[in-house]
Amino acid sequence: MPAAQRGPNNPETWGKVGRNEDCSCDSGKKFKHCHGRYA
C-alpha cells in the first residue's frame, strides 16, 4: 500500500492542527469551523 501523501485533500496527513488555526484544506476557514467539526 503506498504511503499517504501530505496534501490538502488528505486530513490524515495534516498532523496536529489547533482549533483556531486556518484549516489545512485551504478553504480559508478556521479548523474548528471546517474539518474540526467532524473531529
N, C-alpha and C. Protein backbone atom coordinates (compact mmCIF):
# COMPACT_ATOMS: atom_id res chain seq x y z
N MET A 1 0.84 -1.17 0.00
CA MET A 1 0.00 0.00 0.00
C MET A 1 0.89 1.24 0.00
N PRO A 2 0.67 2.20 -0.88
CA PRO A 2 1.53 3.39 -0.92
C PRO A 2 1.36 4.27 0.31
N ALA A 3 2.42 4.93 0.68
CA ALA A 3 2.37 5.85 1.82
C ALA A 3 1.46 7.03 1.49
N ALA A 4 0.75 7.52 2.50
CA ALA A 4 -0.15 8.67 2.29
C ALA A 4 0.67 9.91 1.97
N GLN A 5 0.26 10.63 0.96
CA GLN A 5 0.95 11.86 0.59
C GLN A 5 0.35 13.01 1.37
N ARG A 6 1.20 13.92 1.81
CA ARG A 6 0.74 15.09 2.53
C ARG A 6 0.08 16.04 1.53
N GLY A 7 -1.14 16.43 1.83
CA GLY A 7 -1.83 17.32 0.92
C GLY A 7 -3.12 17.84 1.52
N PRO A 8 -3.68 18.87 0.92
CA PRO A 8 -4.88 19.49 1.46
C PRO A 8 -6.12 18.60 1.40
N ASN A 9 -6.09 17.57 0.59
CA ASN A 9 -7.26 16.69 0.47
C ASN A 9 -7.16 15.44 1.32
N ASN A 10 -6.10 15.33 2.12
CA ASN A 10 -5.91 14.14 2.95
C ASN A 10 -5.69 14.55 4.40
N PRO A 11 -6.77 14.74 5.18
CA PRO A 11 -6.66 15.20 6.56
C PRO A 11 -5.81 14.32 7.45
N GLU A 12 -5.67 13.05 7.13
CA GLU A 12 -4.87 12.15 7.95
C GLU A 12 -3.40 12.53 7.94
N THR A 13 -2.95 13.32 6.97
CA THR A 13 -1.54 13.68 6.86
C THR A 13 -1.23 15.05 7.47
N TRP A 14 -2.22 15.75 7.99
CA TRP A 14 -2.01 17.12 8.48
C TRP A 14 -1.29 17.19 9.81
N GLY A 15 -1.34 16.13 10.59
CA GLY A 15 -0.74 16.18 11.91
C GLY A 15 -1.62 16.98 12.86
N LYS A 16 -1.03 17.54 13.91
CA LYS A 16 -1.79 18.29 14.91
C LYS A 16 -2.11 19.68 14.39
N VAL A 17 -3.40 20.02 14.37
CA VAL A 17 -3.85 21.34 13.93
C VAL A 17 -4.65 21.95 15.06
N GLY A 18 -4.28 23.16 15.49
CA GLY A 18 -5.02 23.84 16.54
C GLY A 18 -6.39 24.26 16.05
N ARG A 19 -7.37 24.28 16.96
CA ARG A 19 -8.74 24.61 16.57
C ARG A 19 -8.87 26.00 15.97
N ASN A 20 -8.04 26.95 16.40
CA ASN A 20 -8.16 28.32 15.92
C ASN A 20 -7.22 28.64 14.76
N GLU A 21 -6.50 27.65 14.28
CA GLU A 21 -5.63 27.85 13.12
C GLU A 21 -6.45 27.70 11.84
N ASP A 22 -5.93 28.24 10.74
CA ASP A 22 -6.59 28.05 9.46
C ASP A 22 -6.57 26.57 9.10
N CYS A 23 -7.64 26.10 8.50
CA CYS A 23 -7.73 24.70 8.12
C CYS A 23 -6.72 24.40 7.01
N SER A 24 -6.15 23.21 7.06
CA SER A 24 -5.13 22.81 6.09
C SER A 24 -5.70 22.46 4.72
N CYS A 25 -7.01 22.49 4.57
CA CYS A 25 -7.61 22.15 3.27
C CYS A 25 -7.68 23.37 2.36
N ASP A 26 -7.15 24.50 2.80
CA ASP A 26 -7.11 25.74 2.01
C ASP A 26 -8.50 26.33 1.74
N SER A 27 -9.45 26.09 2.65
CA SER A 27 -10.79 26.65 2.48
C SER A 27 -10.85 28.11 2.92
N GLY A 28 -9.87 28.53 3.74
CA GLY A 28 -9.89 29.89 4.27
C GLY A 28 -10.63 29.98 5.59
N LYS A 29 -11.22 28.87 6.04
CA LYS A 29 -11.96 28.85 7.30
C LYS A 29 -11.04 28.38 8.42
N LYS A 30 -11.42 28.69 9.66
CA LYS A 30 -10.69 28.14 10.80
C LYS A 30 -11.00 26.64 10.88
N PHE A 31 -10.03 25.89 11.42
CA PHE A 31 -10.17 24.44 11.51
C PHE A 31 -11.44 24.02 12.25
N LYS A 32 -11.79 24.76 13.32
CA LYS A 32 -12.97 24.37 14.12
C LYS A 32 -14.28 24.53 13.36
N HIS A 33 -14.29 25.36 12.31
CA HIS A 33 -15.50 25.56 11.52
C HIS A 33 -15.47 24.77 10.21
N CYS A 34 -14.41 24.02 10.00
CA CYS A 34 -14.26 23.28 8.75
C CYS A 34 -14.14 21.79 9.08
N HIS A 35 -12.97 21.20 8.93
CA HIS A 35 -12.77 19.78 9.21
C HIS A 35 -12.78 19.48 10.71
N GLY A 36 -12.52 20.46 11.56
CA GLY A 36 -12.51 20.24 13.00
C GLY A 36 -13.87 19.92 13.57
N ARG A 37 -14.91 20.28 12.87
CA ARG A 37 -16.26 19.99 13.38
C ARG A 37 -16.54 18.50 13.37
N TYR A 38 -15.82 17.74 12.56
CA TYR A 38 -16.03 16.30 12.47
C TYR A 38 -15.10 15.51 13.39
N ALA A 39 -14.14 16.19 13.98
CA ALA A 39 -13.16 15.50 14.83
C ALA A 39 -13.68 15.30 16.24
